[in-house]
């Protein structure tokens, strides 16, 4: 199976952005226990001092609609629940993107085991 993964990063090297404060997502494809970079997508930060607008969530979800996984340094409960209800899996895994994706690529099928 193939999975698209959105990574919240300020520099394309580190998973270092909170979901609600991300201004960029780097999109990768995981397939056959390997990963490859697809593209960079710009967005606007949706967290405004702890408050959020549903329309902002919707625009971010629309931006990531072809992704199954979102990797962030942090995500709040409300945001995690919101994106989970729309079919995305949020994972808090700060670190170097290459290292995070290397580990994830070998285990991604376990995340979706039994999900059709």
PDB file of N, CA and C in Angstrom:
ATOM      1  N   UNK A   1       0.828  -1.188   0.000  1.00  0.00           N
ATOM      2  CA  UNK A   1       0.000   0.000   0.000  1.00  0.00           C
ATOM      3  C   UNK A   1       0.872   1.251   0.000  1.00  0.00           C
ATOM      4  N   UNK A   2       0.279   2.315  -0.486  1.00  0.00           N
ATOM      5  CA  UNK A   2       0.943   3.614  -0.487  1.00  0.00           C
ATOM      6  C   UNK A   2       0.207   4.541   0.463  1.00  0.00           C
ATOM      7  N   UNK A   3       0.982   5.351   1.175  1.00  0.00           N
ATOM      8  CA  UNK A   3       0.427   6.312   2.112  1.00  0.00           C
ATOM      9  C   UNK A   3       1.081   7.664   1.876  1.00  0.00           C
ATOM     10  N   UNK A   4       0.283   8.709   1.861  1.00  0.00           N
ATOM     11  CA  UNK A   4       0.832  10.052   1.826  1.00  0.00           C
ATOM     12  C   UNK A   4       0.898  10.581   3.246  1.00  0.00           C
ATOM     13  N   UNK A   5       2.029  11.203   3.550  1.00  0.00           N
ATOM     14  CA  UNK A   5       2.303  11.696   4.896  1.00  0.00           C
ATOM     15  C   UNK A   5       2.606  13.186   4.813  1.00  0.00           C
ATOM     16  N   UNK A   6       1.914  13.974   5.627  1.00  0.00           N
ATOM     17  CA  UNK A   6       2.167  15.411   5.725  1.00  0.00           C
ATOM     18  C   UNK A   6       3.008  15.659   6.970  1.00  0.00           C
ATOM     19  N   UNK A   7       4.122  16.352   6.787  1.00  0.00           N
ATOM     20  CA  UNK A   7       5.045  16.618   7.888  1.00  0.00           C
ATOM     21  C   UNK A   7       5.073  18.121   8.161  1.00  0.00           C
ATOM     22  N   UNK A   8       4.788  18.498   9.405  1.00  0.00           N
ATOM     23  CA  UNK A   8       4.817  19.910   9.795  1.00  0.00           C
ATOM     24  C   UNK A   8       6.255  20.296  10.142  1.00  0.00           C
ATOM     25  N   UNK A   9       6.820  21.163   9.313  1.00  0.00           N
ATOM     26  CA  UNK A   9       8.223  21.542   9.482  1.00  0.00           C
ATOM     27  C   UNK A   9       8.432  22.984   9.028  1.00  0.00           C
ATOM     28  N   UNK A  10       9.338  23.665   9.689  1.00  0.00           N
ATOM     29  CA  UNK A  10       9.678  25.028   9.274  1.00  0.00           C
ATOM     30  C   UNK A  10      10.803  25.048   8.243  1.00  0.00           C
ATOM     31  N   UNK A  11      11.555  23.936   8.168  1.00  0.00           N
ATOM     32  CA  UNK A  11      12.743  23.950   7.312  1.00  0.00           C
ATOM     33  C   UNK A  11      12.908  22.736   6.392  1.00  0.00           C
ATOM     34  N   UNK A  12      11.998  21.782   6.463  1.00  0.00           N
ATOM     35  CA  UNK A  12      12.101  20.587   5.618  1.00  0.00           C
ATOM     36  C   UNK A  12      13.115  19.580   6.109  1.00  0.00           C
ATOM     37  N   UNK A  13      13.694  19.827   7.278  1.00  0.00           N
ATOM     38  CA  UNK A  13      14.674  18.906   7.846  1.00  0.00           C
ATOM     39  C   UNK A  13      14.185  18.294   9.146  1.00  0.00           C
ATOM     40  N   UNK A  14      13.486  19.102   9.945  1.00  0.00           N
ATOM     41  CA  UNK A  14      13.019  18.659  11.263  1.00  0.00           C
ATOM     42  C   UNK A  14      11.501  18.688  11.352  1.00  0.00           C
ATOM     43  N   UNK A  15      10.940  17.723  12.045  1.00  0.00           N
ATOM     44  CA  UNK A  15       9.539  17.792  12.455  1.00  0.00           C
ATOM     45  C   UNK A  15       9.565  18.707  13.670  1.00  0.00           C
ATOM     46  N   UNK A  16       9.192  19.968  13.466  1.00  0.00           N
ATOM     47  CA  UNK A  16       9.369  20.938  14.542  1.00  0.00           C
ATOM     48  C   UNK A  16       8.226  21.936  14.666  1.00  0.00           C
ATOM     49  N   UNK A  17       7.088  21.617  14.065  1.00  0.00           N
ATOM     50  CA  UNK A  17       5.968  22.551  14.136  1.00  0.00           C
ATOM     51  C   UNK A  17       4.747  21.902  14.775  1.00  0.00           C
ATOM     52  N   UNK A  18       4.097  22.667  15.624  1.00  0.00           N
ATOM     53  CA  UNK A  18       2.806  22.317  16.201  1.00  0.00           C
ATOM     54  C   UNK A  18       1.785  22.348  15.054  1.00  0.00           C
ATOM     55  N   UNK A  19       0.828  21.436  15.053  1.00  0.00           N
ATOM     56  CA  UNK A  19      -0.148  21.378  13.959  1.00  0.00           C
ATOM     57  C   UNK A  19      -0.790  22.739  13.710  1.00  0.00           C
ATOM     58  N   UNK A  20      -1.256  23.380  14.745  1.00  0.00           N
ATOM     59  CA  UNK A  20      -1.961  24.644  14.593  1.00  0.00           C
ATOM     60  C   UNK A  20      -1.086  25.835  14.257  1.00  0.00           C
ATOM     61  N   UNK A  21       0.216  25.669  14.364  1.00  0.00           N
ATOM     62  CA  UNK A  21       1.139  26.766  14.061  1.00  0.00           C
ATOM     63  C   UNK A  21       1.940  26.521  12.783  1.00  0.00           C
ATOM     64  N   UNK A  22       1.662  25.417  12.131  1.00  0.00           N
ATOM     65  CA  UNK A  22       2.397  25.089  10.900  1.00  0.00           C
ATOM     66  C   UNK A  22       2.022  26.056   9.775  1.00  0.00           C
ATOM     67  N   UNK A  23       3.019  26.504   9.064  1.00  0.00           N
ATOM     68  CA  UNK A  23       2.812  27.343   7.893  1.00  0.00           C
ATOM     69  C   UNK A  23       3.208  26.614   6.614  1.00  0.00           C
ATOM     70  N   UNK A  24       3.706  25.390   6.814  1.00  0.00           N
ATOM     71  CA  UNK A  24       4.160  24.563   5.703  1.00  0.00           C
ATOM     72  C   UNK A  24       4.008  23.108   6.083  1.00  0.00           C
ATOM     73  N   UNK A  25       3.619  22.301   5.122  1.00  0.00           N
ATOM     74  CA  UNK A  25       3.638  20.853   5.274  1.00  0.00           C
ATOM     75  C   UNK A  25       4.453  20.282   4.119  1.00  0.00           C
ATOM     76  N   UNK A  26       5.331  19.358   4.450  1.00  0.00           N
ATOM     77  CA  UNK A  26       6.112  18.657   3.452  1.00  0.00           C
ATOM     78  C   UNK A  26       5.438  17.305   3.246  1.00  0.00           C
ATOM     79  N   UNK A  27       5.127  16.994   2.002  1.00  0.00           N
ATOM     80  CA  UNK A  27       4.366  15.791   1.686  1.00  0.00           C
ATOM     81  C   UNK A  27       5.316  14.713   1.163  1.00  0.00           C
ATOM     82  N   UNK A  28       5.179  13.532   1.763  1.00  0.00           N
ATOM     83  CA  UNK A  28       5.984  12.372   1.382  1.00  0.00           C
ATOM     84  C   UNK A  28       5.059  11.213   1.058  1.00  0.00           C
ATOM     85  N   UNK A  29       5.566  10.312   0.248  1.00  0.00           N
ATOM     86  CA  UNK A  29       4.857   9.060  -0.015  1.00  0.00           C
ATOM     87  C   UNK A  29       5.650   7.923   0.603  1.00  0.00           C
ATOM     88  N   UNK A  30       4.956   7.062   1.333  1.00  0.00           N
ATOM     89  CA  UNK A  30       5.558   5.848   1.871  1.00  0.00           C
ATOM     90  C   UNK A  30       4.988   4.678   1.084  1.00  0.00           C
ATOM     91  N   UNK A  31       5.872   3.865   0.531  1.00  0.00           N
ATOM     92  CA  UNK A  31       5.460   2.672  -0.221  1.00  0.00           C
ATOM     93  C   UNK A  31       6.590   1.659  -0.144  1.00  0.00           C
ATOM     94  N   UNK A  32       6.231   0.419   0.056  1.00  0.00           N
ATOM     95  CA  UNK A  32       7.217  -0.672   0.077  1.00  0.00           C
ATOM     96  C   UNK A  32       8.367  -0.408   1.044  1.00  0.00           C
ATOM     97  N   UNK A  33       8.021   0.106   2.225  1.00  0.00           N
ATOM     98  CA  UNK A  33       8.987   0.347   3.303  1.00  0.00           C
ATOM     99  C   UNK A  33      10.059   1.378   2.949  1.00  0.00           C
ATOM    100  N   UNK A  34       9.741   2.224   1.979  1.00  0.00           N
ATOM    101  CA  UNK A  34      10.629   3.338   1.638  1.00  0.00           C
ATOM    102  C   UNK A  34       9.779   4.605   1.560  1.00  0.00           C
ATOM    103  N   UNK A  35      10.421   5.745   1.512  1.00  0.00           N
ATOM    104  CA  UNK A  35       9.689   7.001   1.399  1.00  0.00           C
ATOM    105  C   UNK A  35      10.356   7.905   0.379  1.00  0.00           C
ATOM    106  N   UNK A  36       9.539   8.785  -0.196  1.00  0.00           N
ATOM    107  CA  UNK A  36      10.072   9.762  -1.144  1.00  0.00           C
ATOM    108  C   UNK A  36       9.305  11.079  -1.006  1.00  0.00           C
ATOM    109  N   UNK A  37      10.024  12.159  -1.214  1.00  0.00           N
ATOM    110  CA  UNK A  37       9.451  13.497  -1.118  1.00  0.00           C
ATOM    111  C   UNK A  37       8.579  13.752  -2.343  1.00  0.00           C
ATOM    112  N   UNK A  38       7.391  14.338  -2.109  1.00  0.00           N
ATOM    113  CA  UNK A  38       6.504  14.694  -3.221  1.00  0.00           C
ATOM    114  C   UNK A  38       6.525  16.198  -3.456  1.00  0.00           C
ATOM    115  N   UNK A  39       6.154  16.965  -2.399  1.00  0.00           N
ATOM    116  CA  UNK A  39       6.085  18.417  -2.583  1.00  0.00           C
ATOM    117  C   UNK A  39       5.956  19.137  -1.245  1.00  0.00           C
ATOM    118  N   UNK A  40       6.073  20.440  -1.327  1.00  0.00           N
ATOM    119  CA  UNK A  40       5.907  21.328  -0.178  1.00  0.00           C
ATOM    120  C   UNK A  40       4.600  22.088  -0.381  1.00  0.00           C
ATOM    121  N   UNK A  41       3.795  22.193   0.687  1.00  0.00           N
ATOM    122  CA  UNK A  41       2.518  22.908   0.598  1.00  0.00           C
ATOM    123  C   UNK A  41       2.464  23.987   1.676  1.00  0.00           C
ATOM    124  N   UNK A  42       2.139  25.196   1.244  1.00  0.00           N
ATOM    125  CA  UNK A  42       2.015  26.321   2.171  1.00  0.00           C
ATOM    126  C   UNK A  42       0.594  26.398   2.720  1.00  0.00           C
ATOM    127  N   UNK A  43       0.499  26.805   3.963  1.00  0.00           N
ATOM    128  CA  UNK A  43      -0.779  27.014   4.622  1.00  0.00           C
ATOM    129  C   UNK A  43      -0.625  28.177   5.578  1.00  0.00           C
ATOM    130  N   UNK A  44      -1.668  28.493   6.301  1.00  0.00           N
ATOM    131  CA  UNK A  44      -1.532  29.532   7.321  1.00  0.00           C
ATOM    132  C   UNK A  44      -1.728  28.893   8.686  1.00  0.00           C
ATOM    133  N   UNK A  45      -1.064  29.450   9.666  1.00  0.00           N
ATOM    134  CA  UNK A  45      -1.223  28.964  11.034  1.00  0.00           C
ATOM    135  C   UNK A  45      -2.673  29.163  11.448  1.00  0.00           C
ATOM    136  N   UNK A  46      -3.259  28.129  12.086  1.00  0.00           N
ATOM    137  CA  UNK A  46      -4.674  28.199  12.450  1.00  0.00           C
ATOM    138  C   UNK A  46      -4.892  28.378  13.947  1.00  0.00           C
ATOM    139  N   UNK A  47      -3.835  28.308  14.717  1.00  0.00           N
ATOM    140  CA  UNK A  47      -3.953  28.473  16.165  1.00  0.00           C
ATOM    141  C   UNK A  47      -3.766  29.949  16.492  1.00  0.00           C
ATOM    142  N   UNK A  48      -4.737  30.499  17.165  1.00  0.00           N
ATOM    143  CA  UNK A  48      -4.684  31.911  17.525  1.00  0.00           C
ATOM    144  C   UNK A  48      -4.767  32.023  19.038  1.00  0.00           C
ATOM    145  N   UNK A  49      -3.657  31.778  19.697  1.00  0.00           N
ATOM    146  CA  UNK A  49      -3.635  31.879  21.152  1.00  0.00           C
ATOM    147  C   UNK A  49      -4.534  30.876  21.844  1.00  0.00           C
ATOM    148  N   UNK A  50      -4.665  29.695  21.247  1.00  0.00           N
ATOM    149  CA  UNK A  50      -5.487  28.648  21.847  1.00  0.00           C
ATOM    150  C   UNK A  50      -6.888  28.568  21.282  1.00  0.00           C
ATOM    151  N   UNK A  51      -7.302  29.572  20.516  1.00  0.00           N
ATOM    152  CA  UNK A  51      -8.624  29.500  19.891  1.00  0.00           C
ATOM    153  C   UNK A  51      -8.456  29.156  18.413  1.00  0.00           C
ATOM    154  N   UNK A  52      -9.500  28.548  17.859  1.00  0.00           N
ATOM    155  CA  UNK A  52      -9.441  28.081  16.479  1.00  0.00           C
ATOM    156  C   UNK A  52     -10.769  28.367  15.787  1.00  0.00           C
ATOM    157  N   UNK A  53     -10.705  28.598  14.526  1.00  0.00           N
ATOM    158  CA  UNK A  53     -11.895  28.755  13.700  1.00  0.00           C
ATOM    159  C   UNK A  53     -12.080  27.478  12.890  1.00  0.00           C
ATOM    160  N   UNK A  54     -13.296  26.969  12.861  1.00  0.00           N
ATOM    161  CA  UNK A  54     -13.550  25.732  12.122  1.00  0.00           C
ATOM    162  C   UNK A  54     -13.212  25.891  10.643  1.00  0.00           C
ATOM    163  N   UNK A  55     -13.442  27.065  10.084  1.00  0.00           N
ATOM    164  CA  UNK A  55     -13.125  27.285   8.669  1.00  0.00           C
ATOM    165  C   UNK A  55     -11.628  27.134   8.414  1.00  0.00           C
ATOM    166  N   UNK A  56     -10.805  27.540   9.390  1.00  0.00           N
ATOM    167  CA  UNK A  56      -9.356  27.371   9.240  1.00  0.00           C
ATOM    168  C   UNK A  56      -8.978  25.892   9.271  1.00  0.00           C
ATOM    169  N   UNK A  57      -9.595  25.137  10.198  1.00  0.00           N
ATOM    170  CA  UNK A  57      -9.364  23.687  10.221  1.00  0.00           C
ATOM    171  C   UNK A  57      -9.738  23.082   8.873  1.00  0.00           C
ATOM    172  N   UNK A  58     -10.895  23.497   8.354  1.00  0.00           N
ATOM    173  CA  UNK A  58     -11.369  22.934   7.092  1.00  0.00           C
ATOM    174  C   UNK A  58     -10.410  23.214   5.946  1.00  0.00           C
ATOM    175  N   UNK A  59      -9.830  24.409   5.920  1.00  0.00           N
ATOM    176  CA  UNK A  59      -8.900  24.730   4.827  1.00  0.00           C
ATOM    177  C   UNK A  59      -7.621  23.892   4.938  1.00  0.00           C
ATOM    178  N   UNK A  60      -7.162  23.632   6.155  1.00  0.00           N
ATOM    179  CA  UNK A  60      -5.981  22.791   6.334  1.00  0.00           C
ATOM    180  C   UNK A  60      -6.298  21.348   5.964  1.00  0.00           C
ATOM    181  N   UNK A  61      -7.466  20.858   6.367  1.00  0.00           N
ATOM    182  CA  UNK A  61      -7.874  19.502   6.014  1.00  0.00           C
ATOM    183  C   UNK A  61      -7.978  19.373   4.496  1.00  0.00           C
ATOM    184  N   UNK A  62      -8.527  20.354   3.836  1.00  0.00           N
ATOM    185  CA  UNK A  62      -8.633  20.336   2.370  1.00  0.00           C
ATOM    186  C   UNK A  62      -7.240  20.270   1.737  1.00  0.00           C
ATOM    187  N   UNK A  63      -6.307  21.022   2.292  1.00  0.00           N
ATOM    188  CA  UNK A  63      -4.932  21.017   1.798  1.00  0.00           C
ATOM    189  C   UNK A  63      -4.300  19.630   1.905  1.00  0.00           C
ATOM    190  N   UNK A  64      -4.680  18.886   2.952  1.00  0.00           N
ATOM    191  CA  UNK A  64      -4.066  17.587   3.234  1.00  0.00           C
ATOM    192  C   UNK A  64      -4.984  16.411   2.877  1.00  0.00           C
ATOM    193  N   UNK A  65      -6.001  16.635   2.075  1.00  0.00           N
ATOM    194  CA  UNK A  65      -7.028  15.620   1.836  1.00  0.00           C
ATOM    195  C   UNK A  65      -6.508  14.333   1.201  1.00  0.00           C
ATOM    196  N   UNK A  66      -5.376  14.386   0.546  1.00  0.00           N
ATOM    197  CA  UNK A  66      -4.819  13.171  -0.067  1.00  0.00           C
ATOM    198  C   UNK A  66      -3.840  12.459   0.871  1.00  0.00           C
ATOM    199  N   UNK A  67      -3.706  12.952   2.092  1.00  0.00           N
ATOM    200  CA  UNK A  67      -2.791  12.359   3.072  1.00  0.00           C
ATOM    201  C   UNK A  67      -3.571  11.478   4.051  1.00  0.00           C
ATOM    202  N   UNK A  68      -2.894  10.465   4.554  1.00  0.00           N
ATOM    203  CA  UNK A  68      -3.483   9.597   5.553  1.00  0.00           C
ATOM    204  C   UNK A  68      -2.884   9.848   6.938  1.00  0.00           C
ATOM    205  N   UNK A  69      -1.680  10.397   6.981  1.00  0.00           N
ATOM    206  CA  UNK A  69      -0.955  10.609   8.234  1.00  0.00           C
ATOM    207  C   UNK A  69      -0.423  12.035   8.265  1.00  0.00           C
ATOM    208  N   UNK A  70      -0.508  12.662   9.442  1.00  0.00           N
ATOM    209  CA  UNK A  70       0.091  13.975   9.671  1.00  0.00           C
ATOM    210  C   UNK A  70       1.073  13.806  10.827  1.00  0.00           C
ATOM    211  N   UNK A  71       2.315  14.177  10.590  1.00  0.00           N
ATOM    212  CA  UNK A  71       3.351  14.094  11.619  1.00  0.00           C
ATOM    213  C   UNK A  71       3.686  15.508  12.075  1.00  0.00           C
ATOM    214  N   UNK A  72       3.614  15.717  13.387  1.00  0.00           N
ATOM    215  CA  UNK A  72       3.822  17.039  13.979  1.00  0.00           C
ATOM    216  C   UNK A  72       4.691  16.917  15.224  1.00  0.00           C
ATOM    217  N   UNK A  73       5.192  18.052  15.689  1.00  0.00           N
ATOM    218  CA  UNK A  73       5.908  18.039  16.967  1.00  0.00           C
ATOM    219  C   UNK A  73       4.917  18.032  18.125  1.00  0.00           C
ATOM    220  N   UNK A  74       3.760  18.674  17.924  1.00  0.00           N
ATOM    221  CA  UNK A  74       2.692  18.694  18.929  1.00  0.00           C
ATOM    222  C   UNK A  74       1.358  18.928  18.242  1.00  0.00           C
ATOM    223  N   UNK A  75       0.300  18.446  18.893  1.00  0.00           N
ATOM    224  CA  UNK A  75      -1.052  18.720  18.415  1.00  0.00           C
ATOM    225  C   UNK A  75      -1.980  18.710  19.620  1.00  0.00           C
ATOM    226  N   UNK A  76      -2.894  19.634  19.654  1.00  0.00           N
ATOM    227  CA  UNK A  76      -3.860  19.697  20.743  1.00  0.00           C
ATOM    228  C   UNK A  76      -4.947  18.651  20.585  1.00  0.00           C
ATOM    229  N   UNK A  77      -5.617  18.373  21.689  1.00  0.00           N
ATOM    230  CA  UNK A  77      -6.653  17.346  21.688  1.00  0.00           C
ATOM    231  C   UNK A  77      -7.756  17.659  20.666  1.00  0.00           C
ATOM    232  N   UNK A  78      -8.240  18.899  20.647  1.00  0.00           N
ATOM    233  CA  UNK A  78      -9.338  19.269  19.744  1.00  0.00           C
ATOM    234  C   UNK A  78      -8.932  19.093  18.286  1.00  0.00           C
ATOM    235  N   UNK A  79      -7.734  19.514  17.942  1.00  0.00           N
ATOM    236  CA  UNK A  79      -7.262  19.373  16.558  1.00  0.00           C
ATOM    237  C   UNK A  79      -7.081  17.905  16.192  1.00  0.00           C
ATOM    238  N   UNK A  80      -6.518  17.128  17.097  1.00  0.00           N
ATOM    239  CA  UNK A  80      -6.328  15.700  16.826  1.00  0.00           C
ATOM    240  C   UNK A  80      -7.670  15.010  16.616  1.00  0.00           C
ATOM    241  N   UNK A  81      -8.625  15.333  17.445  1.00  0.00           N
ATOM    242  CA  UNK A  81      -9.965  14.753  17.308  1.00  0.00           C
ATOM    243  C   UNK A  81     -10.598  15.190  15.992  1.00  0.00           C
ATOM    244  N   UNK A  82     -10.487  16.456  15.658  1.00  0.00           N
ATOM    245  CA  UNK A  82     -11.081  17.010  14.451  1.00  0.00           C
ATOM    246  C   UNK A  82     -10.526  16.326  13.202  1.00  0.00           C
ATOM    247  N   UNK A  83      -9.211  16.234  13.114  1.00  0.00           N
ATOM    248  CA  UNK A  83      -8.653  15.619  11.906  1.00  0.00           C
ATOM    249  C   UNK A  83      -8.868  14.108  11.907  1.00  0.00           C
ATOM    250  N   UNK A  84      -8.915  13.501  13.084  1.00  0.00           N
ATOM    251  CA  UNK A  84      -9.201  12.067  13.167  1.00  0.00           C
ATOM    252  C   UNK A  84     -10.585  11.743  12.652  1.00  0.00           C
ATOM    253  N   UNK A  85     -11.547  12.604  12.931  1.00  0.00           N
ATOM    254  CA  UNK A  85     -12.914  12.418  12.440  1.00  0.00           C
ATOM    255  C   UNK A  85     -12.999  12.550  10.925  1.00  0.00           C
ATOM    256  N   UNK A  86     -11.978  13.107  10.332  1.00  0.00           N
ATOM    257  CA  UNK A  86     -11.933  13.274   8.880  1.00  0.00           C
ATOM    258  C   UNK A  86     -10.981  12.284   8.214  1.00  0.00           C
ATOM    259  N   UNK A  87     -10.574  11.261   8.965  1.00  0.00           N
ATOM    260  CA  UNK A  87      -9.827  10.160   8.383  1.00  0.00           C
ATOM    261  C   UNK A  87      -8.319  10.254   8.431  1.00  0.00           C
ATOM    262  N   UNK A  88      -7.774  11.276   9.066  1.00  0.00           N
ATOM    263  CA  UNK A  88      -6.320  11.408   9.169  1.00  0.00           C
ATOM    264  C   UNK A  88      -5.834  10.899  10.518  1.00  0.00           C
ATOM    265  N   UNK A  89      -4.660  10.341  10.533  1.00  0.00           N
ATOM    266  CA  UNK A  89      -4.014   9.911  11.768  1.00  0.00           C
ATOM    267  C   UNK A  89      -2.928  10.930  12.095  1.00  0.00           C
ATOM    268  N   UNK A  90      -2.983  11.501  13.286  1.00  0.00           N
ATOM    269  CA  UNK A  90      -1.967  12.459  13.726  1.00  0.00           C
ATOM    270  C   UNK A  90      -0.978  11.760  14.635  1.00  0.00           C
ATOM    271  N   UNK A  91       0.301  11.976  14.378  1.00  0.00           N
ATOM    272  CA  UNK A  91       1.364  11.398  15.193  1.00  0.00           C
ATOM    273  C   UNK A  91       2.296  12.513  15.654  1.00  0.00           C
ATOM    274  N   UNK A  92       2.550  12.565  16.955  1.00  0.00           N
ATOM    275  CA  UNK A  92       3.534  13.503  17.507  1.00  0.00           C
ATOM    276  C   UNK A  92       4.882  12.803  17.543  1.00  0.00           C
ATOM    277  N   UNK A  93       5.751  13.160  16.593  1.00  0.00           N
ATOM    278  CA  UNK A  93       7.079  12.546  16.528  1.00  0.00           C
ATOM    279  C   UNK A  93       8.087  13.614  16.133  1.00  0.00           C
ATOM    280  N   UNK A  94       8.534  14.443  17.075  1.00  0.00           N
ATOM    281  CA  UNK A  94       9.550  15.422  16.722  1.00  0.00           C
ATOM    282  C   UNK A  94      10.880  14.730  16.418  1.00  0.00           C
ATOM    283  N   UNK A  95      11.671  15.357  15.566  1.00  0.00           N
ATOM    284  CA  UNK A  95      12.975  14.807  15.213  1.00  0.00           C
ATOM    285  C   UNK A  95      13.301  15.103  13.760  1.00  0.00           C
ATOM    286  N   UNK A  96      14.376  14.510  13.266  1.00  0.00           N
ATOM    287  CA  UNK A  96      14.762  14.677  11.869  1.00  0.00           C
ATOM    288  C   UNK A  96      13.769  13.934  10.983  1.00  0.00           C
ATOM    289  N   UNK A  97      13.278  14.604   9.958  1.00  0.00           N
ATOM    290  CA  UNK A  97      12.261  14.020   9.082  1.00  0.00           C
ATOM    291  C   UNK A  97      12.718  12.683   8.520  1.00  0.00           C
ATOM    292  N   UNK A  98      13.947  12.613   8.009  1.00  0.00           N
ATOM    293  CA  UNK A  98      14.436  11.362   7.416  1.00  0.00           C
ATOM    294  C   UNK A  98      14.393  10.213   8.416  1.00  0.00           C
ATOM    295  N   UNK A  99      14.797  10.475   9.652  1.00  0.00           N
ATOM    296  CA  UNK A  99      14.797   9.419  10.673  1.00  0.00           C
ATOM    297  C   UNK A  99      13.376   9.006  11.045  1.00  0.00           C
ATOM    298  N   UNK A 100      12.493   9.983  11.186  1.00  0.00           N
ATOM    299  CA  UNK A 100      11.099   9.695  11.530  1.00  0.00           C
ATOM    300  C   UNK A 100      10.447   8.861  10.432  1.00  0.00           C
ATOM    301  N   UNK A 101      10.639   9.273   9.170  1.00  0.00           N
ATOM    302  CA  UNK A 101      10.018   8.547   8.060  1.00  0.00           C
ATOM    303  C   UNK A 101      10.642   7.174   7.845  1.00  0.00           C
ATOM    304  N   UNK A 102      11.919   7.051   8.114  1.00  0.00           N
ATOM    305  CA  UNK A 102      12.587   5.744   8.015  1.00  0.00           C
ATOM    306  C   UNK A 102      11.933   4.750   8.972  1.00  0.00           C
ATOM    307  N   UNK A 103      11.736   5.163  10.212  1.00  0.00           N
ATOM    308  CA  UNK A 103      11.087   4.288  11.200  1.00  0.00           C
ATOM    309  C   UNK A 103       9.628   4.039  10.844  1.00  0.00           C
ATOM    310  N   UNK A 104       8.928   5.089  10.469  1.00  0.00           N
ATOM    311  CA  UNK A 104       7.513   4.961  10.141  1.00  0.00           C
ATOM    312  C   UNK A 104       7.285   4.064   8.930  1.00  0.00           C
ATOM    313  N   UNK A 105       8.155   4.174   7.940  1.00  0.00           N
ATOM    314  CA  UNK A 105       7.971   3.383   6.714  1.00  0.00           C
ATOM    315  C   UNK A 105       8.004   1.886   6.983  1.00  0.00           C
ATOM    316  N   UNK A 106       8.686   1.481   8.015  1.00  0.00           N
ATOM    317  CA  UNK A 106       8.777   0.060   8.353  1.00  0.00           C
ATOM    318  C   UNK A 106       7.600  -0.404   9.212  1.00  0.00           C
ATOM    319  N   UNK A 107       6.819   0.553   9.740  1.00  0.00           N
ATOM    320  CA  UNK A 107       5.727   0.206  10.657  1.00  0.00           C
ATOM    321  C   UNK A 107       4.365   0.737  10.232  1.00  0.00           C
ATOM    322  N   UNK A 108       4.300   1.442   9.121  1.00  0.00           N
ATOM    323  CA  UNK A 108       3.061   2.119   8.743  1.00  0.00           C
ATOM    324  C   UNK A 108       1.891   1.153   8.588  1.00  0.00           C
ATOM    325  N   UNK A 109       2.137  -0.052   8.114  1.00  0.00           N
ATOM    326  CA  UNK A 109       1.039  -1.001   7.940  1.00  0.00           C
ATOM    327  C   UNK A 109       0.409  -1.394   9.276  1.00  0.00           C
ATOM    328  N   UNK A 110       1.180  -1.328  10.361  1.00  0.00           N
ATOM    329  CA  UNK A 110       0.629  -1.642  11.681  1.00  0.00           C
ATOM    330  C   UNK A 110      -0.387  -0.583  12.114  1.00  0.00           C
ATOM    331  N   UNK A 111      -0.156   0.652  11.715  1.00  0.00           N
ATOM    332  CA  UNK A 111      -1.070   1.731  12.072  1.00  0.00           C
ATOM    333  C   UNK A 111      -2.437   1.500  11.457  1.00  0.00           C
ATOM    334  N   UNK A 112      -2.443   0.993  10.224  1.00  0.00           N
ATOM    335  CA  UNK A 112      -3.701   0.828   9.489  1.00  0.00           C
ATOM    336  C   UNK A 112      -4.166  -0.622   9.441  1.00  0.00           C
ATOM    337  N   UNK A 113      -3.584  -1.473  10.246  1.00  0.00           N
ATOM    338  CA  UNK A 113      -3.978  -2.878  10.271  1.00  0.00           C
ATOM    339  C   UNK A 113      -5.467  -2.987  10.587  1.00  0.00           C
ATOM    340  N   UNK A 114      -6.169  -3.672   9.722  1.00  0.00           N
ATOM    341  CA  UNK A 114      -7.601  -3.866   9.917  1.00  0.00           C
ATOM    342  C   UNK A 114      -8.454  -2.720   9.427  1.00  0.00           C
ATOM    343  N   UNK A 115      -7.840  -1.622   8.963  1.00  0.00           N
ATOM    344  CA  UNK A 115      -8.596  -0.492   8.431  1.00  0.00           C
ATOM    345  C   UNK A 115      -8.705  -0.661   6.927  1.00  0.00           C
ATOM    346  N   UNK A 116      -9.891  -0.498   6.428  1.00  0.00           N
ATOM    347  CA  UNK A 116     -10.101  -0.643   4.972  1.00  0.00           C
ATOM    348  C   UNK A 116     -10.477   0.654   4.357  1.00  0.00           C
TER     349      UNK A 116
END
